[in-house]
Protein backbone atom coordinates (compact mmCIF):
# COMPACT_ATOMS: atom_id res chain seq x y z
CA UNK A 1 -21.79 -53.37 -67.54
CA UNK A 2 -23.58 -56.59 -65.94
CA UNK A 3 -25.74 -55.54 -62.93
CA UNK A 4 -24.26 -56.75 -59.52
CA UNK A 5 -27.50 -58.50 -58.49
CA UNK A 6 -26.56 -62.04 -58.55
CA UNK A 7 -23.00 -61.97 -57.72
CA UNK A 8 -23.50 -59.48 -54.25
CA UNK A 9 -25.83 -62.63 -53.32
CA UNK A 10 -22.96 -64.86 -53.66
CA UNK A 11 -20.33 -63.23 -51.72
CA UNK A 12 -23.49 -62.73 -48.85
CA UNK A 13 -23.95 -66.57 -49.69
CA UNK A 14 -20.45 -67.36 -49.23
CA UNK A 15 -20.07 -65.20 -46.09
CA UNK A 16 -22.75 -66.96 -44.37
CA UNK A 17 -21.73 -70.32 -44.91
CA UNK A 18 -18.54 -68.89 -43.73
CA UNK A 19 -19.67 -68.06 -40.60
CA UNK A 20 -21.92 -71.23 -40.17
CA UNK A 21 -18.98 -73.61 -40.65
CA UNK A 22 -16.56 -71.75 -38.36
CA UNK A 23 -18.98 -71.04 -35.46
CA UNK A 24 -20.27 -74.76 -35.56
CA UNK A 25 -16.63 -76.03 -35.73
CA UNK A 26 -15.62 -73.23 -32.86
CA UNK A 27 -18.80 -74.53 -30.77
CA UNK A 28 -17.11 -78.37 -31.42
CA UNK A 29 -13.77 -77.43 -30.65
CA UNK A 30 -15.31 -75.43 -27.53
CA UNK A 31 -17.16 -77.72 -26.01
CA UNK A 32 -14.73 -80.86 -26.59
CA UNK A 33 -11.38 -79.15 -25.85
CA UNK A 34 -12.01 -76.23 -23.33
CA UNK A 35 -15.03 -77.54 -21.27
CA UNK A 36 -14.15 -80.70 -22.23
CA UNK A 37 -17.25 -82.38 -22.04
CA UNK A 38 -19.18 -84.26 -24.74
CA UNK A 39 -20.60 -82.50 -28.02
CA UNK A 40 -24.90 -82.10 -28.10
CA UNK A 41 -26.88 -80.77 -31.21
CA UNK A 42 -28.42 -79.27 -28.29
CA UNK A 43 -31.19 -76.01 -28.42
CA UNK A 44 -28.27 -73.62 -27.78
CA UNK A 45 -25.96 -74.78 -31.00
CA UNK A 46 -28.88 -74.60 -33.35
CA UNK A 47 -29.42 -70.87 -31.92
CA UNK A 48 -25.83 -69.58 -32.24
CA UNK A 49 -26.25 -71.75 -35.89
CA UNK A 50 -29.19 -68.73 -36.57
CA UNK A 51 -28.46 -66.24 -34.95
CA UNK A 52 -24.12 -65.81 -35.38
CA UNK A 53 -24.18 -66.17 -38.89
CA UNK A 54 -27.15 -63.33 -39.54
CA UNK A 55 -25.60 -61.06 -37.01
CA UNK A 56 -21.69 -61.56 -39.42
CA UNK A 57 -23.59 -61.02 -42.79
CA UNK A 58 -26.01 -57.71 -41.33
CA UNK A 59 -22.23 -55.95 -39.78
CA UNK A 60 -20.73 -56.59 -43.37
CA UNK A 61 -23.99 -55.22 -45.01
CA UNK A 62 -23.78 -52.19 -42.56
CA UNK A 63 -20.16 -51.83 -43.33
CA UNK A 64 -20.96 -52.02 -47.96
CA UNK A 65 -19.57 -55.38 -48.16
CA UNK A 66 -21.53 -55.12 -50.72
CA UNK A 67 -21.23 -52.30 -53.02
CA UNK A 68 -19.58 -52.04 -56.11
CA UNK A 69 -18.72 -55.46 -56.40
CA UNK A 70 -17.08 -55.45 -59.59
CA UNK A 71 -14.43 -52.89 -58.27
CA UNK A 72 -13.04 -55.48 -55.58
CA UNK A 73 -9.52 -55.85 -55.79
CA UNK A 74 -7.42 -59.19 -54.02
CA UNK A 75 -5.25 -57.02 -51.55
CA UNK A 76 -8.37 -54.88 -50.70
CA UNK A 77 -10.28 -57.47 -49.64
CA UNK A 78 -7.71 -59.33 -47.70
CA UNK A 79 -7.23 -55.90 -45.57
CA UNK A 80 -10.66 -55.48 -45.02
CA UNK A 81 -11.72 -58.95 -44.39
CA UNK A 82 -8.94 -59.95 -41.73
CA UNK A 83 -9.60 -56.52 -39.88
CA UNK A 84 -13.40 -57.35 -40.08
CA UNK A 85 -12.90 -60.93 -38.91
CA UNK A 86 -10.63 -59.39 -35.92
CA UNK A 87 -13.19 -56.71 -34.92
CA UNK A 88 -16.40 -59.52 -35.27
CA UNK A 89 -14.50 -62.09 -33.48
CA UNK A 90 -13.33 -59.53 -30.89
CA UNK A 91 -17.37 -58.52 -30.56
CA UNK A 92 -18.56 -62.04 -30.60
CA UNK A 93 -15.95 -63.20 -28.14
CA UNK A 94 -17.12 -60.31 -25.31
CA UNK A 95 -20.91 -61.08 -25.90
CA UNK A 96 -21.53 -64.62 -26.09
CA UNK A 97 -18.32 -66.52 -25.20
CA UNK A 98 -16.55 -64.04 -22.05
CA UNK A 99 -18.55 -65.93 -19.45
CA UNK A 100 -18.04 -69.91 -20.29
CA UNK A 101 -16.64 -71.15 -17.73
CA UNK A 102 -12.89 -72.43 -18.15
CA UNK A 103 -10.25 -73.84 -16.13
CA UNK A 104 -7.03 -71.60 -16.90
CA UNK A 105 -7.22 -67.94 -18.72
CA UNK A 106 -5.27 -68.87 -21.33
CA UNK A 107 -8.40 -70.90 -22.49
CA UNK A 108 -9.64 -67.60 -23.82
CA UNK A 109 -6.96 -66.63 -25.84
CA UNK A 110 -7.06 -70.20 -27.80
CA UNK A 111 -11.04 -69.95 -28.17
CA UNK A 112 -10.62 -66.28 -29.80
CA UNK A 113 -7.43 -67.14 -31.82
CA UNK A 114 -9.24 -70.59 -33.10
CA UNK A 115 -12.37 -68.98 -34.26
CA UNK A 116 -10.68 -65.48 -35.54
CA UNK A 117 -8.69 -67.88 -37.16
CA UNK A 118 -11.24 -70.17 -38.78
CA UNK A 119 -13.59 -67.05 -39.50
CA UNK A 120 -10.99 -65.52 -41.75
CA UNK A 121 -9.67 -68.41 -43.35
CA UNK A 122 -13.07 -69.53 -44.72
CA UNK A 123 -14.12 -65.53 -45.23
CA UNK A 124 -11.13 -64.68 -47.28
CA UNK A 125 -10.82 -68.47 -49.62
CA UNK A 126 -14.33 -67.45 -50.52
CA UNK A 127 -13.80 -63.81 -51.11
CA UNK A 128 -10.13 -64.20 -52.92
CA UNK A 129 -12.28 -66.94 -55.35
CA UNK A 130 -14.79 -64.72 -56.45
CA UNK A 131 -12.64 -61.46 -56.76
CA UNK A 132 -10.25 -63.32 -58.11
CA UNK A 133 -13.14 -64.43 -60.83
CA UNK A 134 -14.23 -60.52 -60.98
CA UNK A 135 -10.65 -59.16 -61.97
CA UNK A 136 -9.95 -62.19 -64.85
CA UNK A 137 -13.40 -61.24 -66.25
CA UNK A 138 -12.21 -57.21 -66.31
CA UNK A 139 -8.56 -57.97 -67.28
CA UNK A 140 -9.95 -60.09 -70.15
CA UNK A 141 -12.08 -57.46 -71.08
CA UNK A 142 -15.48 -59.58 -70.84
CA UNK A 143 -16.61 -56.81 -67.69
CA UNK A 144 -16.44 -53.33 -68.02
CA UNK A 145 -16.90 -49.88 -67.11
CA UNK A 146 -18.54 -47.01 -69.49
CA UNK A 147 -15.91 -44.40 -69.07
CA UNK A 148 -15.74 -40.62 -70.36
CA UNK A 149 -12.55 -38.58 -71.24
CA UNK A 150 -12.83 -34.62 -70.03
CA UNK A 151 -9.93 -32.68 -71.79
CA UNK A 152 -9.24 -33.63 -75.53
CA UNK A 153 -5.33 -32.42 -75.26
CA UNK A 154 -1.71 -34.23 -75.11
CA UNK A 155 -2.66 -35.12 -71.94
CA UNK A 156 -5.61 -37.01 -72.06
CA UNK A 157 -4.21 -38.84 -75.29
CA UNK A 158 -1.61 -40.12 -73.12
CA UNK A 159 -3.77 -41.02 -70.16
CA UNK A 160 -6.12 -42.91 -72.67
CA UNK A 161 -3.05 -45.25 -74.00
CA UNK A 162 -1.79 -45.55 -70.69
CA UNK A 163 -5.13 -46.77 -69.23
CA UNK A 164 -6.64 -48.49 -72.34
CA UNK A 165 -3.49 -49.63 -74.24
CA UNK A 166 -1.18 -50.77 -71.20
CA UNK A 167 -0.72 -54.92 -69.73
CA UNK A 168 -2.95 -54.31 -66.57
CA UNK A 169 -6.45 -53.47 -68.28
CA UNK A 170 -8.94 -51.85 -65.54
CA UNK A 171 -11.80 -52.57 -67.34
CA UNK A 172 -12.50 -48.64 -68.04
CA UNK A 173 -14.03 -48.70 -71.49
CA UNK A 174 -13.73 -45.62 -73.17
CA UNK A 175 -17.14 -44.92 -74.83
CA UNK A 176 -15.75 -41.28 -76.38
CA UNK A 177 -14.17 -37.69 -74.64
CA UNK A 178 -15.74 -34.41 -74.35
CA UNK A 179 -13.30 -31.57 -75.81
CA UNK A 180 -12.82 -28.34 -73.47
CA UNK A 181 -10.06 -26.71 -74.37
CA UNK A 182 -11.03 -25.67 -78.04
CA UNK A 183 -8.31 -27.79 -79.73
CA UNK A 184 -8.35 -31.06 -82.19
CA UNK A 185 -6.82 -33.96 -80.94
CA UNK A 186 -5.37 -37.13 -81.80
CA UNK A 187 -7.85 -38.51 -79.28
CA UNK A 188 -10.18 -38.54 -82.04
CA UNK A 189 -8.51 -41.62 -83.93
CA UNK A 190 -9.46 -43.63 -81.10
CA UNK A 191 -12.67 -42.96 -79.61
CA UNK A 192 -15.47 -40.60 -80.57
CA UNK A 193 -15.76 -36.59 -79.98
CA UNK A 194 -18.88 -35.98 -78.20
CA UNK A 195 -18.91 -32.58 -78.42
CA UNK A 196 -17.85 -29.83 -75.73
CA UNK A 197 -18.56 -29.12 -72.70
CA UNK A 198 -22.40 -27.80 -72.80
CA UNK A 199 -23.04 -31.27 -74.51
CA UNK A 200 -21.38 -32.82 -71.26
CA UNK A 201 -25.24 -34.04 -69.90
CA UNK A 202 -26.24 -35.48 -73.21
CA UNK A 203 -22.88 -37.90 -73.43
CA UNK A 204 -23.25 -38.95 -69.80
CA UNK A 205 -26.86 -39.91 -69.78
CA UNK A 206 -26.94 -40.76 -73.27
CA UNK A 207 -24.04 -43.64 -72.66
CA UNK A 208 -24.23 -44.76 -69.17
CA UNK A 209 -21.63 -43.07 -67.96
CA UNK A 210 -20.00 -44.66 -64.54
CA UNK A 211 -16.25 -43.23 -64.18
CA UNK A 212 -15.27 -39.87 -65.87
CA UNK A 213 -11.69 -38.90 -65.95
CA UNK A 214 -11.24 -35.55 -66.52
CA UNK A 215 -7.15 -35.07 -68.11
CA UNK A 216 -6.97 -31.15 -68.08
CA UNK A 217 -4.00 -28.72 -67.50
CA UNK A 218 -3.05 -27.62 -64.44
CA UNK A 219 -4.00 -23.93 -65.77
CA UNK A 220 -6.97 -24.61 -66.64
CA UNK A 221 -8.47 -24.12 -63.20
CA UNK A 222 -11.66 -22.53 -63.72
CA UNK A 223 -12.15 -25.11 -66.34
CA UNK A 224 -12.02 -28.00 -64.05
CA UNK A 225 -14.02 -25.82 -61.22
CA UNK A 226 -16.56 -25.74 -63.98
CA UNK A 227 -16.67 -29.07 -64.71
CA UNK A 228 -17.06 -30.48 -60.84
CA UNK A 229 -19.78 -28.21 -60.20
CA UNK A 230 -21.41 -30.02 -64.02
CA UNK A 231 -20.67 -33.59 -62.56
CA UNK A 232 -22.51 -33.05 -59.09
CA UNK A 233 -25.41 -34.95 -58.37
CA UNK A 234 -24.08 -37.52 -61.09
CA UNK A 235 -23.52 -40.92 -59.43
CA UNK A 236 -20.05 -41.00 -61.12
CA UNK A 237 -16.92 -41.84 -60.04
CA UNK A 238 -14.68 -38.81 -60.85
CA UNK A 239 -10.87 -39.39 -61.42
CA UNK A 240 -8.45 -36.26 -62.18
CA UNK A 241 -4.91 -36.36 -62.71
CA UNK A 242 -2.97 -35.39 -59.73
CA UNK A 243 -1.63 -32.10 -60.85
CA UNK A 244 -4.67 -30.54 -59.96
CA UNK A 245 -4.58 -32.06 -56.57
CA UNK A 246 -4.47 -28.60 -54.97
CA UNK A 247 -7.80 -26.99 -55.92
CA UNK A 248 -9.64 -29.47 -54.25
CA UNK A 249 -11.31 -30.54 -50.88
CA UNK A 250 -9.80 -32.12 -48.06
CA UNK A 251 -12.01 -34.74 -49.06
CA UNK A 252 -10.02 -36.20 -51.83
CA UNK A 253 -7.70 -38.88 -51.44
CA UNK A 254 -4.85 -40.35 -54.15
CA UNK A 255 -5.43 -43.61 -55.46
CA UNK A 256 -2.97 -45.49 -58.11
CA UNK A 257 -5.47 -47.09 -60.45
CA UNK A 258 -3.16 -49.89 -62.34
CA UNK A 259 -0.07 -47.71 -62.75
CA UNK A 260 -1.96 -44.42 -63.86
CA UNK A 261 -2.09 -42.26 -60.89
CA UNK A 262 -5.53 -39.94 -60.17
CA UNK A 263 -7.10 -38.04 -57.92
CA UNK A 264 -10.43 -39.70 -57.13
CA UNK A 265 -13.20 -37.28 -55.62
CA UNK A 266 -14.98 -38.81 -52.41
CA UNK A 267 -18.36 -38.02 -52.80
CA UNK A 268 -19.52 -40.05 -49.72
CA UNK A 269 -20.12 -38.03 -46.71
CA UNK A 270 -21.57 -40.49 -44.20
CA UNK A 271 -19.77 -43.59 -43.93
CA UNK A 272 -21.53 -46.45 -45.50
CA UNK A 273 -23.17 -47.78 -42.02
CA UNK A 274 -24.13 -44.50 -40.70
CA UNK A 275 -25.84 -44.12 -44.35
CA UNK A 276 -27.70 -47.64 -43.95
CA UNK A 277 -28.33 -47.10 -40.38
CA UNK A 278 -29.95 -43.82 -41.57
CA UNK A 279 -32.26 -45.39 -44.05
CA UNK A 280 -33.09 -47.90 -41.20
CA UNK A 281 -34.30 -44.96 -38.88
CA UNK A 282 -36.04 -43.14 -41.65
CA UNK A 283 -38.67 -46.50 -42.65
CA UNK A 284 -38.59 -47.04 -38.92
CA UNK A 285 -39.97 -43.39 -38.09
CA UNK A 286 -42.26 -43.39 -41.26
CA UNK A 287 -44.24 -46.36 -40.23
CA UNK A 288 -44.30 -45.30 -36.55
CA UNK A 289 -45.68 -41.75 -37.84
CA UNK A 290 -47.89 -42.51 -40.53
CA UNK A 291 -49.76 -45.12 -37.38
CA UNK A 292 -49.71 -42.80 -34.96
CA UNK A 293 -50.64 -39.55 -37.54
CA UNK A 294 -53.59 -41.84 -38.75
CA UNK A 295 -56.30 -39.71 -37.23
CA UNK A 296 -55.34 -36.73 -39.07
CA UNK A 297 -55.15 -38.77 -41.91
CA UNK A 298 -58.83 -39.10 -41.37
CA UNK A 299 -59.72 -35.81 -40.03
CA UNK A 300 -57.61 -33.22 -42.01
CA UNK A 301 -59.40 -34.33 -46.02
CA UNK A 302 -62.36 -33.59 -44.21
CA UNK A 303 -61.29 -30.59 -43.39
CA UNK A 304 -59.77 -29.66 -46.86
CA UNK A 305 -62.74 -30.53 -48.85
CA UNK A 306 -64.77 -28.35 -46.56
CA UNK A 307 -62.41 -25.53 -47.17
CA UNK A 308 -62.04 -26.05 -50.50
CA UNK A 309 -62.71 -27.50 -54.28
CA UNK A 310 -60.34 -30.06 -55.39
CA UNK A 311 -58.14 -33.21 -54.23
CA UNK A 312 -57.17 -34.03 -50.59
CA UNK A 313 -53.23 -34.65 -51.70
CA UNK A 314 -51.15 -32.34 -53.62
CA UNK A 315 -49.39 -34.34 -56.50
CA UNK A 316 -46.22 -32.30 -57.74
CA UNK A 317 -42.73 -33.57 -59.42
CA UNK A 318 -39.31 -32.62 -57.66
CA UNK A 319 -36.19 -33.26 -58.63
CA UNK A 320 -34.40 -35.84 -55.72
CA UNK A 321 -31.12 -37.71 -55.91
CA UNK A 322 -28.64 -37.26 -58.59
CA UNK A 323 -31.01 -35.79 -60.04
CA UNK A 324 -34.01 -38.33 -60.80
CA UNK A 325 -37.37 -36.82 -60.98
CA UNK A 326 -40.45 -38.00 -58.44
CA UNK A 327 -43.59 -37.17 -57.07
CA UNK A 328 -43.55 -35.53 -54.28
CA UNK A 329 -47.02 -35.98 -51.74
CA UNK A 330 -48.87 -33.29 -49.99
CA UNK A 331 -51.72 -32.28 -48.22
CA UNK A 332 -53.32 -29.20 -50.67
CA UNK A 333 -53.03 -25.83 -48.83
CA UNK A 334 -53.71 -23.84 -52.29
CA UNK A 335 -57.39 -23.99 -54.07
CA UNK A 336 -56.72 -25.60 -57.19
CA UNK A 337 -55.40 -23.86 -60.38
CA UNK A 338 -53.11 -21.43 -57.68
CA UNK A 339 -50.46 -21.77 -60.72
CA UNK A 340 -52.81 -21.38 -64.22
CA UNK A 341 -49.82 -18.72 -64.88
CA UNK A 342 -46.43 -20.89 -64.38
CA UNK A 343 -44.71 -21.80 -61.56
CA UNK A 344 -44.98 -19.46 -58.30
CA UNK A 345 -43.46 -19.36 -54.80
CA UNK A 346 -45.57 -18.72 -51.85
CA UNK A 347 -45.57 -16.46 -49.68
CA UNK A 348 -46.93 -15.64 -45.85
CA UNK A 349 -49.93 -13.96 -46.85
CA UNK A 350 -50.43 -15.27 -50.44
CA UNK A 351 -54.18 -15.56 -50.78
CA UNK A 352 -54.00 -18.43 -53.14
CA UNK A 353 -53.68 -20.76 -49.37
CA UNK A 354 -56.91 -21.59 -48.09
CA UNK A 355 -57.74 -21.28 -44.41
CA UNK A 356 -56.90 -24.49 -43.34
CA UNK A 357 -54.34 -24.83 -45.77
CA UNK A 358 -52.24 -21.44 -43.63
CA UNK A 359 -52.77 -23.76 -39.80
CA UNK A 360 -51.73 -26.93 -41.96
CA UNK A 361 -48.17 -24.99 -42.92
CA UNK A 362 -47.76 -23.33 -39.67
CA UNK A 363 -47.59 -26.70 -38.03
CA UNK A 364 -45.88 -28.51 -41.04
CA UNK A 365 -49.23 -31.28 -41.28
CA UNK A 366 -49.25 -30.89 -44.83
CA UNK A 367 -45.60 -32.75 -44.65
CA UNK A 368 -47.34 -35.62 -43.91
CA UNK A 369 -47.84 -37.60 -46.53
CA UNK A 370 -44.06 -37.41 -47.59
CA UNK A 371 -43.51 -40.21 -45.23
CA UNK A 372 -44.80 -42.43 -47.91
CA UNK A 373 -41.91 -40.53 -49.89
CA UNK A 374 -39.82 -41.77 -47.45
CA UNK A 375 -40.92 -45.38 -47.51
CA UNK A 376 -40.59 -45.79 -51.45
CA UNK A 377 -36.82 -44.13 -50.65
CA UNK A 378 -37.43 -41.00 -52.83
CA UNK A 379 -36.75 -38.55 -49.51
CA UNK A 380 -35.51 -38.98 -46.42
CA UNK A 381 -36.88 -37.48 -43.08
CA UNK A 382 -33.77 -35.27 -43.09
CA UNK A 383 -31.98 -33.58 -46.24
CA UNK A 384 -32.47 -30.70 -48.19
CA UNK A 385 -35.89 -30.02 -49.48
CA UNK A 386 -36.35 -31.36 -53.32
CA UNK A 387 -37.37 -28.23 -55.24
CA UNK A 388 -38.18 -27.94 -59.11
CA UNK A 389 -36.90 -27.81 -62.07
CA UNK A 390 -37.84 -24.84 -62.76
CA UNK A 391 -36.55 -23.22 -59.55
CA UNK A 392 -33.45 -25.00 -59.75
CA UNK A 393 -32.40 -23.37 -63.47
CA UNK A 394 -32.97 -19.81 -61.78
CA UNK A 395 -31.29 -20.92 -58.69
CA UNK A 396 -28.02 -22.66 -60.57
CA UNK A 397 -27.40 -19.12 -62.28
CA UNK A 398 -26.79 -17.54 -58.94
CA UNK A 399 -25.90 -20.07 -57.02
CA UNK A 400 -23.70 -22.44 -59.15
CA UNK A 401 -23.35 -25.11 -56.32
CA UNK A 402 -26.66 -25.75 -55.67
CA UNK A 403 -26.13 -29.13 -57.97
CA UNK A 404 -23.77 -30.36 -55.14
CA UNK A 405 -26.83 -30.62 -53.19
CA UNK A 406 -28.34 -33.63 -55.62
CA UNK A 407 -25.84 -35.70 -54.35
CA UNK A 408 -28.05 -36.39 -51.04
CA UNK A 409 -31.56 -37.64 -51.13
CA UNK A 410 -34.16 -34.76 -50.37
CA UNK A 411 -35.66 -34.77 -46.84
CA UNK A 412 -39.06 -33.57 -45.25
CA UNK A 413 -37.13 -31.39 -43.04
CA UNK A 414 -33.45 -29.32 -43.50
CA UNK A 415 -31.56 -26.89 -41.76
CA UNK A 416 -32.67 -24.37 -44.42
CA UNK A 417 -36.63 -25.38 -43.72
CA UNK A 418 -36.15 -25.10 -39.90
CA UNK A 419 -34.06 -21.90 -40.28
CA UNK A 420 -36.20 -20.35 -43.61
CA UNK A 421 -39.17 -22.38 -44.17
CA UNK A 422 -40.94 -22.20 -47.23
CA UNK A 423 -38.92 -19.68 -49.58
CA UNK A 424 -40.77 -16.79 -51.01
CA UNK A 425 -38.57 -15.65 -53.86
CA UNK A 426 -35.49 -16.90 -55.58
CA UNK A 427 -33.50 -15.01 -53.35
CA UNK A 428 -34.24 -16.71 -50.30
CA UNK A 429 -33.72 -19.83 -51.99
CA UNK A 430 -30.53 -18.66 -52.29
CA UNK A 431 -29.82 -18.01 -48.84
CA UNK A 432 -31.36 -20.84 -47.56
CA UNK A 433 -28.71 -22.97 -49.46
CA UNK A 434 -25.74 -22.09 -47.31
CA UNK A 435 -27.32 -24.06 -44.66
CA UNK A 436 -27.74 -27.01 -46.62
CA UNK A 437 -24.56 -26.86 -48.37
CA UNK A 438 -23.27 -26.84 -44.40
CA UNK A 439 -25.78 -29.90 -43.75
CA UNK A 440 -23.81 -31.20 -46.81
CA UNK A 441 -20.16 -31.32 -45.77
CA UNK A 442 -21.32 -32.12 -42.14
CA UNK A 443 -23.71 -34.71 -42.59
CA UNK A 444 -24.09 -37.04 -39.33
CA UNK A 445 -26.66 -39.05 -37.48
CA UNK A 446 -26.32 -36.73 -34.70
CA UNK A 447 -26.58 -33.26 -36.95
CA UNK A 448 -29.75 -34.85 -38.46
CA UNK A 449 -31.46 -35.92 -35.14
CA UNK A 450 -30.59 -31.92 -33.82
CA UNK A 451 -32.97 -30.88 -36.94
CA UNK A 452 -35.95 -33.24 -36.00
CA UNK A 453 -35.87 -32.02 -32.54
CA UNK A 454 -35.99 -28.29 -33.76
CA UNK A 455 -38.41 -29.15 -36.43
CA UNK A 456 -40.76 -30.93 -33.48
CA UNK A 457 -40.33 -27.15 -31.46
CA UNK A 458 -41.37 -25.52 -34.79
CA UNK A 459 -43.92 -27.52 -35.24
CA UNK A 460 -45.37 -27.52 -31.43
CA UNK A 461 -45.01 -23.96 -31.47
CA UNK A 462 -46.67 -23.56 -34.97
CA UNK A 463 -44.33 -21.38 -36.03
CA UNK A 464 -43.49 -22.78 -39.43
CA UNK A 465 -43.31 -20.39 -42.34
């Protein structure tokens, strides 16, 4: 699959040009036909050319218009363009145009319709052209998405033939299938068998899988439940045949993909615009925090060095979004060599913790270097705490649904962290897990703010564990 970088910027460029041309034409129309004054290349005109198109592109970006550009289809583009053009024109009208002097109230309607229709036409024209080129490349099999079928029974074979041999090729490049029912199948004659359920992770990672089709019988609910837990954390599109719909959550919606009906799992809890805002808040607050807390970056290292030998910054590999590993940063709170006998969780009276380390943990000052992880995009300010793979393996044995958390960017603070602080054992990790799952299912910017507020209270009262 080709990377969407250049194509994404083509959509962005044409959106900008469409907004630029439509605003220029509208400005000329408004001056000459509504206000009945000569058109001039004034400072206000040039300022509008800079501000208005930029605001359109930013709004499109916030609402995810440039995501998954290879998966756009023409009716979707038409619907989204007409809705966004109407709402955007409405916003521009009330912010920039409503205070204009007009001779008749009907001039407002004329102005609005002119800008809306022109902006929609130009924007849709470019988007429709690019989307048509993409669809043509997909149908000609020049572009495709690496796809894995999970099933191996007759239903899997029927699904494969309908999707791959039908007239409307949907871009699915079937690299193989995972057999889950213990039986041989005719599907093996067409695509390779990549193993059984325990081999699913190797199959996904080794073949750059982008889409998974789960084709199991409705009687195999236990298999489906296991599969969904195993697939959690991967950045995949997951589709299931409709007769398994009854065991899925309310976040699932149905779709028809080129004549083949599927239930597609919707894994995004936050709308795209809220995700963009959340990231913007993360970056802004991290920069502010690192500036305001600069004195601590100067004082704390001196106290750590004075209290014990070793590096000031503690680095450790943790598991983040979609199971990707990263190096988390903390101010060191333990003596060097505290885990010479293997990974261990800390406790409240842990003698491995230094004197200054106890204070740093109580006040959560030890977490301050993680603002750098946030700036790098490895962490968020609010999100489930990242764990080490060693402890993840232990948690999953007791709570397989832990893998659901890997669809979220880990955070400096979390609902579970506010409730439990540092977990002292796997049982506490499992108890803390339910609050992180609640966060996953109820994620919102308002909830993030509430968690941040409680975190500040804990820091001020030095009640951190």
